[in-house]
Amino acid sequence: MDPSKPFPILCLPFLAIEEIFKAMDPIEIINFSMSSKRAKAITKKMAFYSKYEIGLGIDEIMAIAINGTNGLVSCIYLMTSNERMDGKVKEYENNGFIQRKVYKYSKDPVEEWKQVCKYVLDIFKRQAIDVLSMTMDVFVDQNVAIIDFLRTNVKSVNACNVLQLEEENDVDEHAAYLLENIKVNNKFLSNLDTKNVNFDMKIPKNVKEFYIKKADWIGYDKLLEIDSVRVILGTNRISNKDWNSFFKKWMAMETHLNLELLAFAFESLEDLRLFVLHDIPHEVVDEGVKRNLIVYDDETEEISGGIDIRRIDGRTATFFAQYDGFLMSVH
């Protein structure tokens, strides 16, 4: 075959074309699909896209990540207002994992990002995405339009992260609007500096992990709304009396039946015992007793001592100090 002539991929049998696609990384697939209408039509007929995950990042540089190839290749489109970065490709390799970053200059990175998002979701047949990460104070005047775009084009997200760059910025209203319009399936993490203690953000239901760094707006009623397996609260405004009521409800199996881990701020284990567990049956466990307890995600760690309370079905919750807070680990 003359090497100067292009290889007629589209003339091959479909099964042969599919094998070629399996050898491509996501960016090669997208570039191929853009070569012609027929190439796009063939691309959309591929049946192996379930191995790819899509991640969307809204920040100073807008990102679209396509992760796949047995988890070993991550391809990221980055929309930037820095003209000098246009067309640059950066590649990183570590222990067999390859990450490719492709930069694209745009006078309007947000609009460019929307267009590429729609194309990627169409090509890879995605209505749900794996990760959405949104820095709420970067494009404040465009937040509502971005969220409306997501509502129209994304059915749900597996994990949603919201954060902000500057502590003094108030983005509470936009964060609430995001959760009103986006379904979160598995994890919700907030690193926002929420200003309003009466902030009324919708609590995502049936998510496995619920993390709020600054949770001063989480009171007793909001705590009861959370039905996650793992609940991580930073600062909060839950009183000793309310914690007492919450733990009693948990012991009576009236709330949080699926709870495996609760992280919360408290002064000390002794204060917890004196001011919260004072009328709750509990056991102070000897420091010589060591047990493997859940401390993060599905990770366990050998913990010495602690304070135990027991649920009516026999399950035990152990309180112990960890890092700069306290954990309640159910076992």
Protein backbone atom coordinates (compact mmCIF):
# COMPACT_ATOMS: atom_id res chain seq x y z
CA MET A 1 0.00 0.00 0.00
CA ASP A 2 1.24 3.46 -0.88
CA PRO A 3 2.07 5.14 2.49
CA SER A 4 1.26 8.54 0.99
CA LYS A 5 -2.39 7.59 0.49
CA PRO A 6 -4.83 7.71 3.43
CA PHE A 7 -6.07 4.39 4.78
CA PRO A 8 -9.75 3.93 3.83
CA ILE A 9 -11.05 2.99 7.30
CA LEU A 10 -14.68 3.60 6.39
CA CYS A 11 -14.45 1.05 3.59
CA LEU A 12 -13.66 -1.77 6.05
CA PRO A 13 -16.30 -4.13 7.45
CA PHE A 14 -18.01 -2.78 10.57
CA LEU A 15 -16.38 -5.32 12.92
CA ALA A 16 -12.94 -4.31 11.65
CA ILE A 17 -13.78 -0.62 12.15
CA GLU A 18 -14.91 -1.43 15.70
CA GLU A 19 -11.56 -3.07 16.47
CA ILE A 20 -9.76 0.05 15.22
CA PHE A 21 -11.95 2.20 17.48
CA LYS A 22 -11.02 0.05 20.46
CA ALA A 23 -7.38 0.99 19.91
CA MET A 24 -8.13 4.73 19.83
CA ASP A 25 -8.04 7.04 22.82
CA PRO A 26 -11.09 9.30 23.37
CA ILE A 27 -9.57 12.36 21.69
CA GLU A 28 -8.66 10.28 18.63
CA ILE A 29 -12.25 9.06 18.52
CA ILE A 30 -13.60 12.61 18.67
CA ASN A 31 -11.16 13.88 16.04
CA PHE A 32 -12.11 11.01 13.75
CA SER A 33 -15.83 11.68 14.24
CA MET A 34 -15.30 15.28 13.17
CA SER A 35 -13.68 14.33 9.88
CA SER A 36 -16.98 13.86 8.04
CA LYS A 37 -20.70 13.27 8.51
CA ARG A 38 -20.24 9.59 7.67
CA ALA A 39 -17.40 9.29 10.19
CA LYS A 40 -19.63 10.80 12.88
CA ALA A 41 -22.47 8.42 11.98
CA ILE A 42 -20.13 5.41 12.17
CA THR A 43 -18.69 6.64 15.47
CA LYS A 44 -22.14 6.88 17.03
CA LYS A 45 -22.83 3.25 16.06
CA MET A 46 -20.00 1.96 18.24
CA ALA A 47 -21.28 -0.17 21.11
CA PHE A 48 -18.37 -0.09 23.59
CA TYR A 49 -18.81 3.36 25.06
CA SER A 50 -19.89 2.05 28.46
CA LYS A 51 -16.22 1.88 29.45
CA TYR A 52 -15.87 5.67 29.19
CA GLU A 53 -16.71 8.12 31.96
CA ILE A 54 -17.29 11.84 31.41
CA GLY A 55 -16.26 14.52 33.87
CA LEU A 56 -17.07 18.23 33.61
CA GLY A 57 -15.09 21.00 35.29
CA ILE A 58 -16.25 24.62 35.60
CA ASP A 59 -13.32 26.78 36.70
CA GLU A 60 -11.00 29.48 35.37
CA ILE A 61 -10.11 26.88 32.74
CA MET A 62 -13.19 24.96 31.61
CA ALA A 63 -12.64 21.20 31.37
CA ILE A 64 -14.18 18.14 29.79
CA ALA A 65 -12.57 14.86 30.83
CA ILE A 66 -13.12 11.53 29.07
CA ASN A 67 -11.76 8.66 31.14
CA GLY A 68 -11.53 5.15 29.82
CA THR A 69 -9.34 2.46 28.26
CA ASN A 70 -9.44 0.29 31.40
CA GLY A 71 -8.95 3.36 33.54
CA LEU A 72 -5.46 3.91 32.18
CA VAL A 73 -6.07 6.85 29.86
CA SER A 74 -7.63 10.17 30.76
CA CYS A 75 -8.15 12.74 27.99
CA ILE A 76 -9.06 16.29 28.98
CA TYR A 77 -10.22 19.16 26.78
CA LEU A 78 -9.39 22.51 28.36
CA MET A 79 -11.00 25.74 27.17
CA THR A 80 -8.86 28.74 28.00
CA SER A 81 -8.85 32.47 27.39
CA ASN A 82 -5.04 32.34 27.18
CA GLU A 83 -4.31 32.55 23.44
CA ARG A 84 -0.75 31.26 23.89
CA MET A 85 -2.09 27.90 25.09
CA ASP A 86 -4.13 27.25 21.94
CA GLY A 87 -3.40 23.84 20.45
CA LYS A 88 -0.93 22.81 23.15
CA VAL A 89 -0.96 19.16 24.20
CA LYS A 90 0.47 18.03 27.53
CA GLU A 91 0.90 14.39 28.42
CA TYR A 92 1.69 12.84 31.78
CA GLU A 93 2.49 9.19 32.48
CA ASN A 94 2.70 7.55 35.90
CA ASN A 95 2.75 3.80 36.57
CA GLY A 96 1.06 3.08 33.25
CA PHE A 97 -1.60 5.75 33.69
CA ILE A 98 -1.62 8.32 30.89
CA GLN A 99 -3.24 11.73 31.06
CA ARG A 100 -3.48 13.86 27.92
CA LYS A 101 -4.51 17.51 28.11
CA VAL A 102 -5.51 19.37 24.95
CA TYR A 103 -5.86 23.16 25.23
CA LYS A 104 -8.20 25.20 23.05
CA TYR A 105 -8.25 29.00 23.06
CA SER A 106 -11.56 30.79 22.98
CA LYS A 107 -12.69 34.37 23.41
CA ASP A 108 -15.70 32.87 25.20
CA PRO A 109 -14.49 29.72 27.02
CA VAL A 110 -17.86 29.05 28.64
CA GLU A 111 -19.76 29.03 25.35
CA GLU A 112 -17.03 26.96 23.68
CA TRP A 113 -17.21 24.52 26.59
CA LYS A 114 -20.96 24.15 26.17
CA GLN A 115 -20.63 23.33 22.49
CA VAL A 116 -17.89 20.75 23.04
CA CYS A 117 -19.88 19.28 25.95
CA LYS A 118 -22.89 18.72 23.74
CA TYR A 119 -20.74 17.10 21.08
CA VAL A 120 -18.92 14.80 23.52
CA LEU A 121 -22.14 13.74 25.26
CA ASP A 122 -23.69 13.03 21.86
CA ILE A 123 -20.73 11.05 20.52
CA PHE A 124 -20.30 8.99 23.69
CA LYS A 125 -24.05 8.57 24.16
CA ARG A 126 -24.05 9.99 27.67
CA GLN A 127 -26.98 11.45 29.57
CA ALA A 128 -25.35 10.89 32.96
CA ILE A 129 -21.82 11.99 33.82
CA ASP A 130 -19.39 10.71 36.40
CA VAL A 131 -18.12 13.91 38.03
CA LEU A 132 -19.24 17.54 37.99
CA SER A 133 -16.90 20.00 39.68
CA MET A 134 -18.05 23.62 39.80
CA THR A 135 -16.15 26.58 41.24
CA MET A 136 -19.09 28.83 41.94
CA ASP A 137 -17.36 32.23 42.04
CA VAL A 138 -15.40 32.12 38.76
CA PHE A 139 -18.22 32.93 36.31
CA VAL A 140 -20.78 34.29 38.77
CA ASP A 141 -22.73 36.19 36.11
CA GLN A 142 -22.97 33.00 34.02
CA ASN A 143 -23.72 30.49 36.79
CA VAL A 144 -27.46 30.37 36.14
CA ALA A 145 -26.95 29.91 32.38
CA ILE A 146 -24.38 27.14 33.01
CA ILE A 147 -26.72 25.35 35.41
CA ASP A 148 -29.59 25.67 32.93
CA PHE A 149 -27.33 24.16 30.26
CA LEU A 150 -26.52 21.23 32.56
CA ARG A 151 -30.19 20.72 33.41
CA THR A 152 -31.01 20.48 29.70
CA ASN A 153 -28.14 18.20 28.67
CA VAL A 154 -27.25 16.08 31.70
CA LYS A 155 -29.73 13.68 33.28
CA SER A 156 -27.70 13.11 36.47
CA VAL A 157 -24.20 13.19 37.95
CA ASN A 158 -22.53 10.47 39.99
CA ALA A 159 -20.44 12.86 42.09
CA CYS A 160 -20.88 16.61 42.47
CA ASN A 161 -18.25 18.92 43.96
CA VAL A 162 -18.94 22.60 44.61
CA LEU A 163 -16.29 25.04 45.80
CA GLN A 164 -15.21 28.65 45.70
CA LEU A 165 -11.91 30.50 45.33
CA GLU A 166 -12.46 33.51 47.59
CA GLU A 167 -13.96 33.14 51.05
CA GLU A 168 -15.72 36.50 50.97
CA ASN A 169 -17.77 35.68 47.85
CA ASP A 170 -21.39 34.75 48.50
CA VAL A 171 -22.55 32.04 46.09
CA ASP A 172 -25.11 30.34 48.34
CA GLU A 173 -28.03 31.15 46.05
CA HIS A 174 -26.33 29.66 42.99
CA ALA A 175 -25.34 26.50 44.91
CA ALA A 176 -28.96 26.05 45.93
CA TYR A 177 -30.06 26.56 42.31
CA LEU A 178 -27.59 23.89 41.18
CA LEU A 179 -29.02 21.28 43.53
CA GLU A 180 -32.56 22.21 42.56
CA ASN A 181 -31.77 21.38 38.95
CA ILE A 182 -29.16 18.59 39.00
CA LYS A 183 -29.75 15.04 40.27
CA VAL A 184 -26.80 13.72 42.28
CA ASN A 185 -26.60 9.93 42.46
CA ASN A 186 -23.72 9.01 44.75
CA LYS A 187 -21.59 11.78 46.29
CA PHE A 188 -22.05 15.43 47.14
CA LEU A 189 -19.13 17.48 48.45
CA SER A 190 -19.29 21.17 49.33
CA ASN A 191 -16.28 23.33 50.14
CA LEU A 192 -18.33 26.52 50.07
CA ASP A 193 -18.05 29.20 52.74
CA THR A 194 -21.77 29.43 53.33
CA LYS A 195 -22.65 32.82 54.78
CA ASN A 196 -26.29 32.42 55.80
CA VAL A 197 -27.06 30.16 58.77
CA ASN A 198 -30.65 30.04 57.51
CA PHE A 199 -29.49 28.84 54.07
CA ASP A 200 -32.10 26.40 52.76
CA MET A 201 -30.30 24.19 50.24
CA LYS A 202 -31.97 21.04 49.00
CA ILE A 203 -30.42 17.93 50.56
CA PRO A 204 -29.62 15.34 47.85
CA LYS A 205 -31.44 12.09 48.60
CA ASN A 206 -30.01 8.57 48.57
CA VAL A 207 -26.42 9.68 48.00
CA LYS A 208 -23.75 7.50 49.55
CA GLU A 209 -21.55 10.36 50.77
CA PHE A 210 -22.58 13.82 51.94
CA TYR A 211 -19.73 16.19 52.82
CA ILE A 212 -20.19 19.80 53.95
CA LYS A 213 -17.06 21.67 55.03
CA LYS A 214 -18.87 24.66 56.51
CA ALA A 215 -22.17 23.35 57.78
CA ASP A 216 -23.35 26.16 60.07
CA TRP A 217 -26.66 26.04 58.17
CA ILE A 218 -27.13 22.38 59.12
CA GLY A 219 -29.42 22.29 62.15
CA TYR A 220 -31.33 19.40 63.71
CA ASP A 221 -34.14 19.32 61.12
CA LYS A 222 -31.65 19.37 58.22
CA LEU A 223 -29.61 16.62 59.90
CA LEU A 224 -32.69 14.39 59.95
CA GLU A 225 -33.19 15.03 56.20
CA ILE A 226 -29.78 13.58 55.35
CA ASP A 227 -30.08 9.89 54.52
CA SER A 228 -26.52 9.21 53.33
CA VAL A 229 -24.34 6.26 54.29
CA ARG A 230 -21.43 8.57 55.11
CA VAL A 231 -22.05 12.06 56.52
CA ILE A 232 -19.15 14.47 57.04
CA LEU A 233 -19.96 17.80 58.66
CA GLY A 234 -17.47 20.53 59.46
CA THR A 235 -18.73 23.35 61.62
CA ASN A 236 -22.42 23.02 62.44
CA ARG A 237 -25.06 24.56 64.69
CA ILE A 238 -26.44 21.36 66.21
CA SER A 239 -26.80 21.73 69.98
CA ASN A 240 -25.87 19.13 72.60
CA LYS A 241 -29.59 18.58 73.19
CA ASP A 242 -30.17 17.94 69.47
CA TRP A 243 -27.22 15.55 69.24
CA ASN A 244 -28.67 13.71 72.23
CA SER A 245 -32.04 13.45 70.48
CA PHE A 246 -30.41 12.35 67.22
CA PHE A 247 -28.42 9.51 68.81
CA LYS A 248 -31.51 8.32 70.68
CA LYS A 249 -33.45 8.22 67.40
CA TRP A 250 -30.60 6.28 65.78
CA MET A 251 -30.55 3.76 68.64
CA ALA A 252 -34.32 3.30 68.32
CA MET A 253 -33.95 2.80 64.54
CA GLU A 254 -36.09 5.87 63.86
CA THR A 255 -33.54 7.58 61.62
CA HIS A 256 -30.39 7.00 59.52
CA LEU A 257 -30.75 3.23 59.28
CA ASN A 258 -28.04 3.01 56.60
CA LEU A 259 -25.53 5.25 58.38
CA GLU A 260 -22.00 3.80 58.45
CA LEU A 261 -19.95 6.87 59.26
CA LEU A 262 -20.67 10.28 60.80
CA ALA A 263 -17.91 12.89 61.15
CA PHE A 264 -18.64 16.02 63.18
CA ALA A 265 -16.95 18.74 65.19
CA PHE A 266 -16.92 18.45 68.99
CA GLU A 267 -14.68 19.60 71.83
CA SER A 268 -13.69 16.23 73.32
CA LEU A 269 -14.87 12.69 73.94
CA GLU A 270 -15.31 13.53 77.60
CA ASP A 271 -17.59 16.48 76.74
CA LEU A 272 -19.54 14.19 74.42
CA ARG A 273 -20.01 11.69 77.22
CA LEU A 274 -20.98 14.33 79.82
CA PHE A 275 -23.19 16.67 77.79
CA VAL A 276 -24.65 14.47 75.02
CA LEU A 277 -24.62 10.86 76.21
CA HIS A 278 -25.43 11.65 79.84
CA ASP A 279 -28.80 9.84 79.76
CA ILE A 280 -27.96 7.41 76.96
CA PRO A 281 -26.66 3.91 77.81
CA HIS A 282 -23.03 3.83 76.65
CA GLU A 283 -19.75 2.07 77.32
CA VAL A 284 -16.33 3.67 77.62
CA VAL A 285 -14.06 1.13 75.92
CA ASP A 286 -10.63 0.43 77.38
CA GLU A 287 -7.73 1.87 75.38
CA GLY A 288 -6.24 -1.61 75.23
CA VAL A 289 -9.16 -2.79 73.08
CA LYS A 290 -8.33 -2.42 69.40
CA ARG A 291 -10.88 -2.77 66.59
CA ASN A 292 -10.88 -2.18 62.83
CA LEU A 293 -13.46 0.54 62.17
CA ILE A 294 -14.52 2.49 59.08
CA VAL A 295 -12.76 5.86 59.01
CA TYR A 296 -13.21 7.03 55.41
CA ASP A 297 -15.04 5.71 52.36
CA ASP A 298 -14.71 1.93 52.73
CA GLU A 299 -11.31 2.18 54.44
CA THR A 300 -10.83 0.78 57.93
CA GLU A 301 -8.23 1.58 60.55
CA GLU A 302 -7.27 -0.01 63.86
CA ILE A 303 -8.81 2.16 66.58
CA SER A 304 -8.06 1.97 70.31
CA GLY A 305 -10.85 2.44 72.85
CA GLY A 306 -13.67 4.89 72.17
CA ILE A 307 -17.24 5.15 73.42
CA ASP A 308 -19.89 2.64 72.28
CA ILE A 309 -23.65 2.98 71.97
CA ARG A 310 -25.86 0.16 70.68
CA ARG A 311 -28.88 0.16 68.43
CA ILE A 312 -31.90 -1.99 69.26
CA ASP A 313 -30.96 -4.42 66.45
CA GLY A 314 -27.53 -5.02 68.04
CA ARG A 315 -25.41 -2.79 65.78
CA THR A 316 -22.78 -0.73 67.58
CA ALA A 317 -21.63 2.84 66.97
CA THR A 318 -18.21 3.80 68.29
CA PHE A 319 -17.20 7.42 68.89
CA PHE A 320 -13.51 8.30 68.69
CA ALA A 321 -11.28 11.28 67.95
CA GLN A 322 -9.86 11.49 64.43
CA TYR A 323 -7.75 14.32 63.01
CA ASP A 324 -9.48 17.59 63.99
CA GLY A 325 -12.93 16.14 64.74
CA PHE A 326 -14.79 13.08 65.89
CA LEU A 327 -16.15 10.05 64.10
CA MET A 328 -19.11 7.81 64.78
CA SER A 329 -18.33 4.50 63.06
CA VAL A 330 -21.09 1.91 62.84
CA HIS A 331 -20.18 -1.79 62.95
